[in-house]
Amino acid sequence: LTLTLTLTLTLTLTLTLTLTLTLTLTLTLTLTPTSSP
């Protein structure tokens, strides 16, 4: 039970991290051209 729990936790953590990273990257990429000419 502990193994599965840790595995799921790590998976969710990595997924959320990657999602947030991609979101921030896309946001910065889309926002940068507008601020700078």
N, C-alpha and C. Protein backbone atom coordinates (compact mmCIF):
# COMPACT_ATOMS: atom_id res chain seq x y z
N LEU A 1 0.82 -1.21 0.00
CA LEU A 1 0.00 0.00 0.00
C LEU A 1 0.86 1.26 0.00
N THR A 2 1.93 1.21 0.77
CA THR A 2 2.80 2.39 0.85
C THR A 2 3.50 2.66 -0.48
N LEU A 3 3.89 1.57 -1.15
CA LEU A 3 4.58 1.71 -2.43
C LEU A 3 3.68 2.34 -3.47
N THR A 4 2.48 1.86 -3.55
CA THR A 4 1.53 2.41 -4.52
C THR A 4 1.22 3.87 -4.22
N LEU A 5 1.10 4.16 -2.94
CA LEU A 5 0.81 5.53 -2.52
C LEU A 5 1.93 6.48 -2.90
N THR A 6 3.13 6.07 -2.62
CA THR A 6 4.29 6.89 -2.96
C THR A 6 4.42 7.08 -4.47
N LEU A 7 4.14 6.01 -5.19
CA LEU A 7 4.22 6.06 -6.65
C LEU A 7 3.20 7.03 -7.22
N THR A 8 2.00 6.94 -6.72
CA THR A 8 0.94 7.83 -7.20
C THR A 8 1.24 9.28 -6.83
N LEU A 9 1.76 9.45 -5.63
CA LEU A 9 2.10 10.79 -5.16
C LEU A 9 3.20 11.42 -6.02
N THR A 10 4.21 10.64 -6.29
CA THR A 10 5.31 11.14 -7.13
C THR A 10 4.84 11.44 -8.54
N LEU A 11 3.97 10.59 -9.04
CA LEU A 11 3.43 10.78 -10.38
C LEU A 11 2.61 12.06 -10.47
N THR A 12 1.77 12.25 -9.49
CA THR A 12 0.93 13.45 -9.47
C THR A 12 1.78 14.71 -9.31
N LEU A 13 2.80 14.60 -8.47
CA LEU A 13 3.70 15.73 -8.25
C LEU A 13 4.44 16.11 -9.52
N THR A 14 4.96 15.12 -10.19
CA THR A 14 5.68 15.37 -11.44
C THR A 14 4.76 15.94 -12.51
N LEU A 15 3.55 15.41 -12.55
CA LEU A 15 2.57 15.88 -13.53
C LEU A 15 2.21 17.34 -13.29
N THR A 16 1.97 17.66 -12.04
CA THR A 16 1.62 19.04 -11.69
C THR A 16 2.78 19.98 -11.97
N LEU A 17 3.98 19.51 -11.66
CA LEU A 17 5.17 20.32 -11.90
C LEU A 17 5.36 20.61 -13.38
N THR A 18 5.23 19.59 -14.18
CA THR A 18 5.38 19.75 -15.62
C THR A 18 4.30 20.66 -16.20
N LEU A 19 3.09 20.49 -15.68
CA LEU A 19 1.97 21.31 -16.13
C LEU A 19 2.20 22.78 -15.81
N THR A 20 2.63 23.03 -14.60
CA THR A 20 2.88 24.42 -14.18
C THR A 20 4.03 25.03 -14.98
N LEU A 21 5.04 24.21 -15.22
CA LEU A 21 6.20 24.68 -15.99
C LEU A 21 5.81 25.04 -17.41
N THR A 22 5.04 24.18 -18.02
CA THR A 22 4.60 24.45 -19.39
C THR A 22 3.70 25.67 -19.46
N LEU A 23 2.85 25.79 -18.46
CA LEU A 23 1.94 26.93 -18.40
C LEU A 23 2.70 28.24 -18.26
N THR A 24 3.66 28.25 -17.37
CA THR A 24 4.46 29.46 -17.16
C THR A 24 5.27 29.80 -18.41
N LEU A 25 5.80 28.77 -19.04
CA LEU A 25 6.58 28.97 -20.25
C LEU A 25 5.75 29.56 -21.37
N THR A 26 4.58 29.01 -21.55
CA THR A 26 3.69 29.51 -22.59
C THR A 26 3.24 30.93 -22.29
N LEU A 27 2.97 31.19 -21.03
CA LEU A 27 2.55 32.52 -20.62
C LEU A 27 3.64 33.55 -20.87
N THR A 28 4.84 33.22 -20.49
CA THR A 28 5.96 34.14 -20.68
C THR A 28 6.23 34.36 -22.17
N LEU A 29 6.11 33.29 -22.93
CA LEU A 29 6.35 33.39 -24.37
C LEU A 29 5.31 34.26 -25.06
N THR A 30 4.09 34.15 -24.61
CA THR A 30 3.02 34.94 -25.21
C THR A 30 3.02 36.37 -24.70
N LEU A 31 3.51 36.56 -23.49
CA LEU A 31 3.52 37.90 -22.90
C LEU A 31 4.73 38.73 -23.30
N THR A 32 5.84 38.08 -23.53
CA THR A 32 7.07 38.80 -23.87
C THR A 32 6.98 39.65 -25.14
N PRO A 33 6.45 39.12 -26.22
CA PRO A 33 6.40 39.91 -27.46
C PRO A 33 5.56 41.18 -27.35
N THR A 34 4.55 41.14 -26.50
CA THR A 34 3.68 42.30 -26.35
C THR A 34 4.36 43.41 -25.56
N SER A 35 5.14 43.03 -24.56
CA SER A 35 5.81 44.03 -23.72
C SER A 35 6.99 44.66 -24.45
N SER A 36 7.72 43.84 -25.19
CA SER A 36 8.88 44.36 -25.92
C SER A 36 8.59 44.44 -27.42
N PRO A 37 9.00 45.53 -28.03
CA PRO A 37 8.74 45.73 -29.46
C PRO A 37 9.61 44.86 -30.37
